[in-house]
Every structure is written in structure tokens, then in C-alpha cells.
Amino acid sequence: MARVLRNVCVIAIVVGMAGALSVSTGAKAGPGPDVQVRTTIYNSDGISPLRVQNDGKGVYQTTTVGGKTTVTSTIFSFTNTVGQDFFLTTYYPSKGSFASSARTVRIDMSQQLSDGAFFTPTLNTDGAPVQMGVKCRLATPNPVSLVGMALNQAVECPGSLRFWAPGGEWYRFSFQPENFSTSDRWKVTCIAAGTSGCTKWTIARSGTDGSSRNTLLHIDDQGTILEVGGDYALTYSFLLER
């Protein structure tokens, strides 16, 4: 396996991904308060199986067990920041580390498009704990408020898809071509709106061939990049509802 290190600006990436594996919002300002949403991860596009699938346990929504939020499915607003981000996280901080909830996401990495510094990690058939981050506050040329989107408006937002492998190693797919030029962004479309703003969104692939090309990174539990892997073809289809 060729060891290829390409298009990496480590300082910029680490700064941009600060607070890597947990989400802390602080006081709210800008587009409004945090919004809880239900997340549906589809297994098929009606014709073919998708490479990112649900765990068979229904919709994902923010869940609290024993006073701890174990699953987060939320649109976040941030202090003194224009735009909003969506995060689905199925693990949570626990005793100075992280613990997995009862929810996972299945990720098929069988379609590798280029080599990198490490082999494809092996995941359990029932999936892995994940954090999906859709960072529309970093959309270009302007930040985007998800709730403020107009009906049928579509935007591309950078972000990441992190997962916790069975051996305890952490990885993330980059959806940020500013850092890894071959990575595609998330495509977010508002499909229903009312007096309170957008109420339903789809998250789909932005690649021209109907898939998403994304660079896989080996990271530590704080999000620091350890190695740059290959590119993979991902297919997925998500629905957010508030």
C-alpha cells in the first residue's frame, strides 16, 4: 500500500476541527437557539443499497439516559457566529473518555478510489458509533442558517463523518475540499418550510457522478490527524425533521 500524504495543512485542519469529538455550544446568539431534529438514515435510494446505512432501530433523535445525553441529533447555533451546524453523534463523554450509545451507523468502505497511508479499517456488521457534522456556518461564499433556508434552497456545506472502530481507533471522512481537494461537501436542501422557517431538510451527495468522494483520516480521540488515508466513494441519503 503506497503511503501518500497529500494536500494537508495540518495546522489549519486542527484549528478548524477544535472541540473535535464532542459538541459544546455555550451561550447562544446569531440565528437562534439550538433545534432538536429527528434524523432518518435511508438504506436504499430505491434502486441500489447505500454505503451509509442505519442500524435498524428507527430514527435517530436526541436521547438522555440517566441524566446523560447519549445521542445528539441537533442543529446548533454558536455564540457570535453566523450560520448553523447539524450534528448527529451516537457516542458521549464518559469518565475522561467516550462511551458508545445503543445507536450505530453502518459504513461500507469497499469502494476505495485511491491509496493512502493505512489499510481500510474493519467495522462490525452492526455498524460503529459516529459523529456526522454538517457545518453550514462554514459554507461558501456565505454562512448558512439551516432554519433560515428558503423552500427548495440547496447549499453545499463542509464537514466530516467520524467513526469509532472496534479496535478503539478513530477515523473521519473529510467533507472539506478546502483541506483535502478531492473531498466532496454535503448537499443540504430545504424541502418543507413554514412561518418558523425551514422544517425539513435532505442531505445528499454532491458529487457529479451521484456519489461522494471523501478522504479518510486516521485521528486520535481529540481529532488530531495521525495519518492520511485513501479516497472512498460513499453514497447516502438522510432526512432531518423538526
C-alpha atoms as a PDB file:
ATOM      1  CA  MET A   1       0.000   0.000   0.000  1.00  0.00           C
ATOM      2  CA  ALA A   2       1.538   3.285  -1.058  1.00  0.00           C
ATOM      3  CA  ARG A   3       1.986   5.828   1.706  1.00  0.00           C
ATOM      4  CA  VAL A   4       0.656   9.039   0.226  1.00  0.00           C
ATOM      5  CA  LEU A   5       0.458  12.290   2.172  1.00  0.00           C
ATOM      6  CA  ARG A   6      -1.328  14.889   0.067  1.00  0.00           C
ATOM      7  CA  ASN A   7      -2.881  18.291   0.358  1.00  0.00           C
ATOM      8  CA  VAL A   8      -2.579  18.534   4.120  1.00  0.00           C
ATOM      9  CA  CYS A   9      -2.477  21.804   6.016  1.00  0.00           C
ATOM     10  CA  VAL A  10      -2.376  20.277   9.481  1.00  0.00           C
ATOM     11  CA  ILE A  11      -2.429  23.499  11.471  1.00  0.00           C
ATOM     12  CA  ALA A  12      -5.494  24.781   9.651  1.00  0.00           C
ATOM     13  CA  ILE A  13      -7.276  21.462   9.977  1.00  0.00           C
ATOM     14  CA  VAL A  14      -6.623  21.056  13.692  1.00  0.00           C
ATOM     15  CA  VAL A  15      -7.762  24.624  14.394  1.00  0.00           C
ATOM     16  CA  GLY A  16     -10.832  24.173  12.216  1.00  0.00           C
ATOM     17  CA  MET A  17     -11.798  20.953  13.974  1.00  0.00           C
ATOM     18  CA  ALA A  18     -11.239  22.228  17.527  1.00  0.00           C
ATOM     19  CA  GLY A  19     -13.512  20.546  20.043  1.00  0.00           C
ATOM     20  CA  ALA A  20     -13.276  17.611  17.711  1.00  0.00           C
ATOM     21  CA  LEU A  21     -15.307  14.760  19.139  1.00  0.00           C
ATOM     22  CA  SER A  22     -17.769  16.469  21.440  1.00  0.00           C
ATOM     23  CA  VAL A  23     -20.096  19.376  20.755  1.00  0.00           C
ATOM     24  CA  SER A  24     -20.267  22.254  23.224  1.00  0.00           C
ATOM     25  CA  THR A  25     -22.295  25.296  22.243  1.00  0.00           C
ATOM     26  CA  GLY A  26     -22.101  27.744  25.142  1.00  0.00           C
ATOM     27  CA  ALA A  27     -24.334  30.828  25.151  1.00  0.00           C
ATOM     28  CA  LYS A  28     -26.495  31.297  22.080  1.00  0.00           C
ATOM     29  CA  ALA A  29     -26.533  34.174  19.607  1.00  0.00           C
ATOM     30  CA  GLY A  30     -26.945  34.705  15.879  1.00  0.00           C
ATOM     31  CA  PRO A  31     -29.638  32.685  14.073  1.00  0.00           C
ATOM     32  CA  GLY A  32     -31.469  31.384  17.143  1.00  0.00           C
ATOM     33  CA  PRO A  33     -31.490  28.619  19.767  1.00  0.00           C
ATOM     34  CA  ASP A  34     -30.471  25.013  19.202  1.00  0.00           C
ATOM     35  CA  VAL A  35     -33.113  22.936  17.405  1.00  0.00           C
ATOM     36  CA  GLN A  36     -33.703  19.251  18.106  1.00  0.00           C
ATOM     37  CA  VAL A  37     -34.321  17.257  14.918  1.00  0.00           C
ATOM     38  CA  ARG A  38     -35.157  13.669  14.037  1.00  0.00           C
ATOM     39  CA  THR A  39     -32.684  12.073  11.639  1.00  0.00           C
ATOM     40  CA  THR A  40     -33.630   9.330   9.200  1.00  0.00           C
ATOM     41  CA  ILE A  41     -30.776   7.444   7.521  1.00  0.00           C
ATOM     42  CA  TYR A  42     -32.020   5.550   4.487  1.00  0.00           C
ATOM     43  CA  ASN A  43     -30.600   2.178   3.459  1.00  0.00           C
ATOM     44  CA  SER A  44     -31.502   2.433  -0.234  1.00  0.00           C
ATOM     45  CA  ASP A  45     -32.169   5.055  -2.885  1.00  0.00           C
ATOM     46  CA  GLY A  46     -34.986   2.875  -4.223  1.00  0.00           C
ATOM     47  CA  ILE A  47     -32.696   1.179  -6.727  1.00  0.00           C
ATOM     48  CA  SER A  48     -29.430   0.288  -5.007  1.00  0.00           C
ATOM     49  CA  PRO A  49     -28.216  -0.142  -1.410  1.00  0.00           C
ATOM     50  CA  LEU A  50     -26.468   2.922   0.006  1.00  0.00           C
ATOM     51  CA  ARG A  51     -22.983   2.754   1.518  1.00  0.00           C
ATOM     52  CA  VAL A  52     -24.021   4.605   4.685  1.00  0.00           C
ATOM     53  CA  GLN A  53     -26.977   2.885   6.372  1.00  0.00           C
ATOM     54  CA  ASN A  54     -28.926   2.923   9.629  1.00  0.00           C
ATOM     55  CA  ASP A  55     -28.671   0.331  12.393  1.00  0.00           C
ATOM     56  CA  GLY A  56     -32.229  -0.949  12.013  1.00  0.00           C
ATOM     57  CA  LYS A  57     -33.516   0.823  15.153  1.00  0.00           C
ATOM     58  CA  GLY A  58     -35.534   3.623  13.548  1.00  0.00           C
ATOM     59  CA  VAL A  59     -34.961   7.370  13.548  1.00  0.00           C
ATOM     60  CA  TYR A  60     -32.097   8.967  15.447  1.00  0.00           C
ATOM     61  CA  GLN A  61     -33.040  11.649  17.936  1.00  0.00           C
ATOM     62  CA  THR A  62     -31.500  13.310  20.961  1.00  0.00           C
ATOM     63  CA  THR A  63     -31.703  10.830  23.839  1.00  0.00           C
ATOM     64  CA  THR A  64     -30.937  11.259  27.536  1.00  0.00           C
ATOM     65  CA  VAL A  65     -30.259   8.253  29.771  1.00  0.00           C
ATOM     66  CA  GLY A  66     -29.505   8.660  33.471  1.00  0.00           C
ATOM     67  CA  GLY A  67     -29.016  12.389  33.076  1.00  0.00           C
ATOM     68  CA  LYS A  68     -26.506  11.983  30.235  1.00  0.00           C
ATOM     69  CA  THR A  69     -27.189  12.842  26.612  1.00  0.00           C
ATOM     70  CA  THR A  70     -26.134   9.648  24.853  1.00  0.00           C
ATOM     71  CA  VAL A  71     -27.320  10.527  21.333  1.00  0.00           C
ATOM     72  CA  THR A  72     -27.358  14.046  19.883  1.00  0.00           C
ATOM     73  CA  SER A  73     -29.395  14.981  16.797  1.00  0.00           C
ATOM     74  CA  THR A  74     -29.371  18.761  16.837  1.00  0.00           C
ATOM     75  CA  ILE A  75     -28.982  21.905  14.758  1.00  0.00           C
ATOM     76  CA  PHE A  76     -26.599  24.093  16.737  1.00  0.00           C
ATOM     77  CA  SER A  77     -26.199  27.861  16.893  1.00  0.00           C
ATOM     78  CA  PHE A  78     -22.964  29.333  18.236  1.00  0.00           C
ATOM     79  CA  THR A  79     -22.098  32.496  20.121  1.00  0.00           C
ATOM     80  CA  ASN A  80     -21.225  35.441  17.844  1.00  0.00           C
ATOM     81  CA  THR A  81     -21.246  33.192  14.774  1.00  0.00           C
ATOM     82  CA  VAL A  82     -23.428  33.474  11.675  1.00  0.00           C
ATOM     83  CA  GLY A  83     -24.852  30.214  10.339  1.00  0.00           C
ATOM     84  CA  GLN A  84     -25.750  26.879  11.924  1.00  0.00           C
ATOM     85  CA  ASP A  85     -24.320  23.349  12.038  1.00  0.00           C
ATOM     86  CA  PHE A  86     -26.049  19.993  12.256  1.00  0.00           C
ATOM     87  CA  PHE A  87     -24.550  17.171  14.327  1.00  0.00           C
ATOM     88  CA  LEU A  88     -25.661  13.580  14.769  1.00  0.00           C
ATOM     89  CA  THR A  89     -23.481  11.973  17.451  1.00  0.00           C
ATOM     90  CA  THR A  90     -24.064   8.465  18.778  1.00  0.00           C
ATOM     91  CA  TYR A  91     -21.380   8.464  21.491  1.00  0.00           C
ATOM     92  CA  TYR A  92     -20.836  10.710  24.509  1.00  0.00           C
ATOM     93  CA  PRO A  93     -18.170  11.848  27.017  1.00  0.00           C
ATOM     94  CA  SER A  94     -17.735   9.473  29.959  1.00  0.00           C
ATOM     95  CA  LYS A  95     -15.076   9.306  32.684  1.00  0.00           C
ATOM     96  CA  GLY A  96     -12.497  11.290  30.749  1.00  0.00           C
ATOM     97  CA  SER A  97     -13.043   9.279  27.581  1.00  0.00           C
ATOM     98  CA  PHE A  98     -16.043   8.324  25.430  1.00  0.00           C
ATOM     99  CA  ALA A  99     -18.790   5.737  25.640  1.00  0.00           C
ATOM    100  CA  SER A 100     -20.960   4.364  22.858  1.00  0.00           C
ATOM    101  CA  SER A 101     -24.732   4.594  22.959  1.00  0.00           C
ATOM    102  CA  ALA A 102     -27.082   1.901  21.729  1.00  0.00           C
ATOM    103  CA  ARG A 103     -27.094   3.526  18.267  1.00  0.00           C
ATOM    104  CA  THR A 104     -24.635   2.979  15.436  1.00  0.00           C
ATOM    105  CA  VAL A 105     -24.345   3.645  11.704  1.00  0.00           C
ATOM    106  CA  ARG A 106     -23.176   1.104   9.130  1.00  0.00           C
ATOM    107  CA  ILE A 107     -20.480   2.295   6.709  1.00  0.00           C
ATOM    108  CA  ASP A 108     -19.449   0.316   3.617  1.00  0.00           C
ATOM    109  CA  MET A 109     -15.883   1.229   2.592  1.00  0.00           C
ATOM    110  CA  SER A 110     -15.481  -1.417  -0.109  1.00  0.00           C
ATOM    111  CA  GLN A 111     -15.173   1.114  -2.942  1.00  0.00           C
ATOM    112  CA  GLN A 112     -11.719   2.592  -2.378  1.00  0.00           C
ATOM    113  CA  LEU A 113     -10.683   5.043  -5.100  1.00  0.00           C
ATOM    114  CA  SER A 114      -7.063   5.780  -4.139  1.00  0.00           C
ATOM    115  CA  ASP A 115      -4.403   4.505  -1.747  1.00  0.00           C
ATOM    116  CA  GLY A 116      -3.243   6.203   1.430  1.00  0.00           C
ATOM    117  CA  ALA A 117      -1.026   5.690   4.457  1.00  0.00           C
ATOM    118  CA  PHE A 118      -3.079   2.860   6.014  1.00  0.00           C
ATOM    119  CA  PHE A 119      -5.347  -0.005   5.086  1.00  0.00           C
ATOM    120  CA  THR A 120      -9.126   0.252   5.241  1.00  0.00           C
ATOM    121  CA  PRO A 121     -10.302  -0.312   8.846  1.00  0.00           C
ATOM    122  CA  THR A 122     -12.657  -3.228   9.501  1.00  0.00           C
ATOM    123  CA  LEU A 123     -16.038  -2.429  11.051  1.00  0.00           C
ATOM    124  CA  ASN A 124     -18.582  -4.691  12.691  1.00  0.00           C
ATOM    125  CA  THR A 125     -21.584  -5.637  10.578  1.00  0.00           C
ATOM    126  CA  ASP A 126     -23.880  -3.814  13.019  1.00  0.00           C
ATOM    127  CA  GLY A 127     -22.022  -0.533  12.479  1.00  0.00           C
ATOM    128  CA  ALA A 128     -19.957   1.888  14.542  1.00  0.00           C
ATOM    129  CA  PRO A 129     -20.565   4.888  16.813  1.00  0.00           C
ATOM    130  CA  VAL A 130     -20.414   8.007  14.636  1.00  0.00           C
ATOM    131  CA  GLN A 131     -20.461  11.771  14.569  1.00  0.00           C
ATOM    132  CA  MET A 132     -21.835  13.362  11.415  1.00  0.00           C
ATOM    133  CA  GLY A 133     -21.043  17.080  11.228  1.00  0.00           C
ATOM    134  CA  VAL A 134     -22.633  19.304   8.565  1.00  0.00           C
ATOM    135  CA  LYS A 135     -21.034  22.705   9.070  1.00  0.00           C
ATOM    136  CA  CYS A 136     -23.152  25.207   7.191  1.00  0.00           C
ATOM    137  CA  ARG A 137     -21.654  28.104   9.159  1.00  0.00           C
ATOM    138  CA  LEU A 138     -18.556  27.380   7.026  1.00  0.00           C
ATOM    139  CA  ALA A 139     -20.438  27.303   3.712  1.00  0.00           C
ATOM    140  CA  THR A 140     -19.049  29.476   0.922  1.00  0.00           C
ATOM    141  CA  PRO A 141     -19.384  32.170  -0.197  1.00  0.00           C
ATOM    142  CA  ASN A 142     -21.631  32.895   2.814  1.00  0.00           C
ATOM    143  CA  PRO A 143     -22.555  31.108   6.062  1.00  0.00           C
ATOM    144  CA  VAL A 144     -25.977  29.442   6.015  1.00  0.00           C
ATOM    145  CA  SER A 145     -28.607  29.268   8.754  1.00  0.00           C
ATOM    146  CA  LEU A 146     -30.308  25.899   8.289  1.00  0.00           C
ATOM    147  CA  VAL A 147     -33.555  27.098   9.858  1.00  0.00           C
ATOM    148  CA  GLY A 148     -33.387  30.250   7.726  1.00  0.00           C
ATOM    149  CA  MET A 149     -33.153  28.380   4.410  1.00  0.00           C
ATOM    150  CA  ALA A 150     -35.899  29.035   1.869  1.00  0.00           C
ATOM    151  CA  LEU A 151     -38.077  26.255   0.457  1.00  0.00           C
ATOM    152  CA  ASN A 152     -36.165  24.324  -2.251  1.00  0.00           C
ATOM    153  CA  GLN A 153     -32.939  26.188  -1.491  1.00  0.00           C
ATOM    154  CA  ALA A 154     -29.891  23.897  -1.814  1.00  0.00           C
ATOM    155  CA  VAL A 155     -26.427  24.570  -0.378  1.00  0.00           C
ATOM    156  CA  GLU A 156     -23.175  22.665  -0.091  1.00  0.00           C
ATOM    157  CA  CYS A 157     -21.676  22.549   3.397  1.00  0.00           C
ATOM    158  CA  PRO A 158     -18.293  21.201   4.528  1.00  0.00           C
ATOM    159  CA  GLY A 159     -17.953  18.871   7.500  1.00  0.00           C
ATOM    160  CA  SER A 160     -16.989  15.334   8.437  1.00  0.00           C
ATOM    161  CA  LEU A 161     -18.171  11.813   9.226  1.00  0.00           C
ATOM    162  CA  ARG A 162     -16.249  10.356  12.181  1.00  0.00           C
ATOM    163  CA  PHE A 163     -16.434   6.824  13.463  1.00  0.00           C
ATOM    164  CA  TRP A 164     -15.025   4.772  16.305  1.00  0.00           C
ATOM    165  CA  ALA A 165     -13.650   1.468  15.029  1.00  0.00           C
ATOM    166  CA  PRO A 166     -13.920  -1.786  17.047  1.00  0.00           C
ATOM    167  CA  GLY A 167     -10.216  -1.783  17.941  1.00  0.00           C
ATOM    168  CA  GLY A 168     -10.573   1.587  19.661  1.00  0.00           C
ATOM    169  CA  GLU A 169      -9.106   3.606  16.772  1.00  0.00           C
ATOM    170  CA  TRP A 170     -10.780   6.773  15.490  1.00  0.00           C
ATOM    171  CA  TYR A 171     -11.264   7.829  11.863  1.00  0.00           C
ATOM    172  CA  ARG A 172     -13.077  10.528   9.963  1.00  0.00           C
ATOM    173  CA  PHE A 173     -14.057  11.148   6.386  1.00  0.00           C
ATOM    174  CA  SER A 174     -13.328  14.686   5.262  1.00  0.00           C
ATOM    175  CA  PHE A 175     -16.116  16.586   3.532  1.00  0.00           C
ATOM    176  CA  GLN A 176     -13.983  19.711   3.315  1.00  0.00           C
ATOM    177  CA  PRO A 177     -12.239  20.239  -0.058  1.00  0.00           C
ATOM    178  CA  GLU A 178     -10.514  23.332   1.332  1.00  0.00           C
ATOM    179  CA  ASN A 179      -8.339  20.880   3.281  1.00  0.00           C
ATOM    180  CA  PHE A 180      -8.445  17.800   1.019  1.00  0.00           C
ATOM    181  CA  SER A 181      -9.118  18.827  -2.558  1.00  0.00           C
ATOM    182  CA  THR A 182     -10.660  15.529  -3.673  1.00  0.00           C
ATOM    183  CA  SER A 183     -13.332  15.547  -0.940  1.00  0.00           C
ATOM    184  CA  ASP A 184     -16.945  16.438  -1.733  1.00  0.00           C
ATOM    185  CA  ARG A 185     -19.186  18.501   0.565  1.00  0.00           C
ATOM    186  CA  TRP A 186     -22.593  17.591   1.982  1.00  0.00           C
ATOM    187  CA  LYS A 187     -25.513  18.849  -0.150  1.00  0.00           C
ATOM    188  CA  VAL A 188     -28.361  20.192   2.018  1.00  0.00           C
ATOM    189  CA  THR A 189     -31.787  21.041   0.583  1.00  0.00           C
ATOM    190  CA  CYS A 190     -34.773  22.568   2.407  1.00  0.00           C
ATOM    191  CA  ILE A 191     -37.855  20.557   1.349  1.00  0.00           C
ATOM    192  CA  ALA A 192     -40.505  21.978   3.730  1.00  0.00           C
ATOM    193  CA  ALA A 193     -40.902  25.372   5.387  1.00  0.00           C
ATOM    194  CA  GLY A 194     -43.409  27.317   7.461  1.00  0.00           C
ATOM    195  CA  THR A 195     -43.707  30.522   9.423  1.00  0.00           C
ATOM    196  CA  SER A 196     -40.874  29.394  11.719  1.00  0.00           C
ATOM    197  CA  GLY A 197     -38.508  28.720   8.826  1.00  0.00           C
ATOM    198  CA  CYS A 198     -37.330  25.502   7.225  1.00  0.00           C
ATOM    199  CA  THR A 199     -38.711  22.383   8.915  1.00  0.00           C
ATOM    200  CA  LYS A 200     -37.349  19.520   6.759  1.00  0.00           C
ATOM    201  CA  TRP A 201     -34.032  19.009   5.017  1.00  0.00           C
ATOM    202  CA  THR A 202     -32.458  16.329   2.866  1.00  0.00           C
ATOM    203  CA  ILE A 203     -28.721  15.643   3.000  1.00  0.00           C
ATOM    204  CA  ALA A 204     -27.402  14.077  -0.189  1.00  0.00           C
ATOM    205  CA  ARG A 205     -24.242  13.541  -2.218  1.00  0.00           C
ATOM    206  CA  SER A 206     -22.776  16.486  -4.098  1.00  0.00           C
ATOM    207  CA  GLY A 207     -20.524  14.506  -6.454  1.00  0.00           C
ATOM    208  CA  THR A 208     -21.239  14.799 -10.164  1.00  0.00           C
ATOM    209  CA  ASP A 209     -21.430  11.003 -10.590  1.00  0.00           C
ATOM    210  CA  GLY A 210     -24.122  10.534  -7.931  1.00  0.00           C
ATOM    211  CA  SER A 211     -21.710   9.516  -5.188  1.00  0.00           C
ATOM    212  CA  SER A 212     -19.495  11.375  -2.758  1.00  0.00           C
ATOM    213  CA  ARG A 213     -15.704  11.133  -2.855  1.00  0.00           C
ATOM    214  CA  ASN A 214     -14.135  11.609   0.572  1.00  0.00           C
ATOM    215  CA  THR A 215     -10.658  11.291   2.075  1.00  0.00           C
ATOM    216  CA  LEU A 216     -10.352   9.007   5.117  1.00  0.00           C
ATOM    217  CA  LEU A 217      -8.198  10.244   8.010  1.00  0.00           C
ATOM    218  CA  HIS A 218      -6.825   8.285  10.966  1.00  0.00           C
ATOM    219  CA  ILE A 219      -7.202  10.542  14.019  1.00  0.00           C
ATOM    220  CA  ASP A 220      -6.796  10.406  17.781  1.00  0.00           C
ATOM    221  CA  ASP A 221      -9.723  10.781  20.180  1.00  0.00           C
ATOM    222  CA  GLN A 222      -9.329  14.572  20.140  1.00  0.00           C
ATOM    223  CA  GLY A 223      -9.449  14.832  16.348  1.00  0.00           C
ATOM    224  CA  THR A 224      -5.742  15.363  15.641  1.00  0.00           C
ATOM    225  CA  ILE A 225      -4.752  13.836  12.297  1.00  0.00           C
ATOM    226  CA  LEU A 226      -2.312  10.930  12.629  1.00  0.00           C
ATOM    227  CA  GLU A 227      -2.305   9.625   9.038  1.00  0.00           C
ATOM    228  CA  VAL A 228      -3.966  10.455   5.730  1.00  0.00           C
ATOM    229  CA  GLY A 229      -5.682   7.523   4.060  1.00  0.00           C
ATOM    230  CA  GLY A 230      -7.164   6.981   0.641  1.00  0.00           C
ATOM    231  CA  ASP A 231     -10.283   8.322  -1.010  1.00  0.00           C
ATOM    232  CA  TYR A 232     -13.531   6.338  -0.893  1.00  0.00           C
ATOM    233  CA  ALA A 233     -16.836   6.508  -2.745  1.00  0.00           C
ATOM    234  CA  LEU A 234     -19.757   6.989  -0.358  1.00  0.00           C
ATOM    235  CA  THR A 235     -23.472   7.029  -1.106  1.00  0.00           C
ATOM    236  CA  TYR A 236     -26.052   8.167   1.432  1.00  0.00           C
ATOM    237  CA  SER A 237     -29.434   9.804   1.870  1.00  0.00           C
ATOM    238  CA  PHE A 238     -30.598  11.494   5.099  1.00  0.00           C
ATOM    239  CA  LEU A 239     -33.738  13.332   6.186  1.00  0.00           C
ATOM    240  CA  LEU A 240     -33.873  15.868   9.050  1.00  0.00           C
ATOM    241  CA  GLU A 241     -37.238  16.910  10.558  1.00  0.00           C
ATOM    242  CA  ARG A 242     -38.136  19.289  13.349  1.00  0.00           C
END
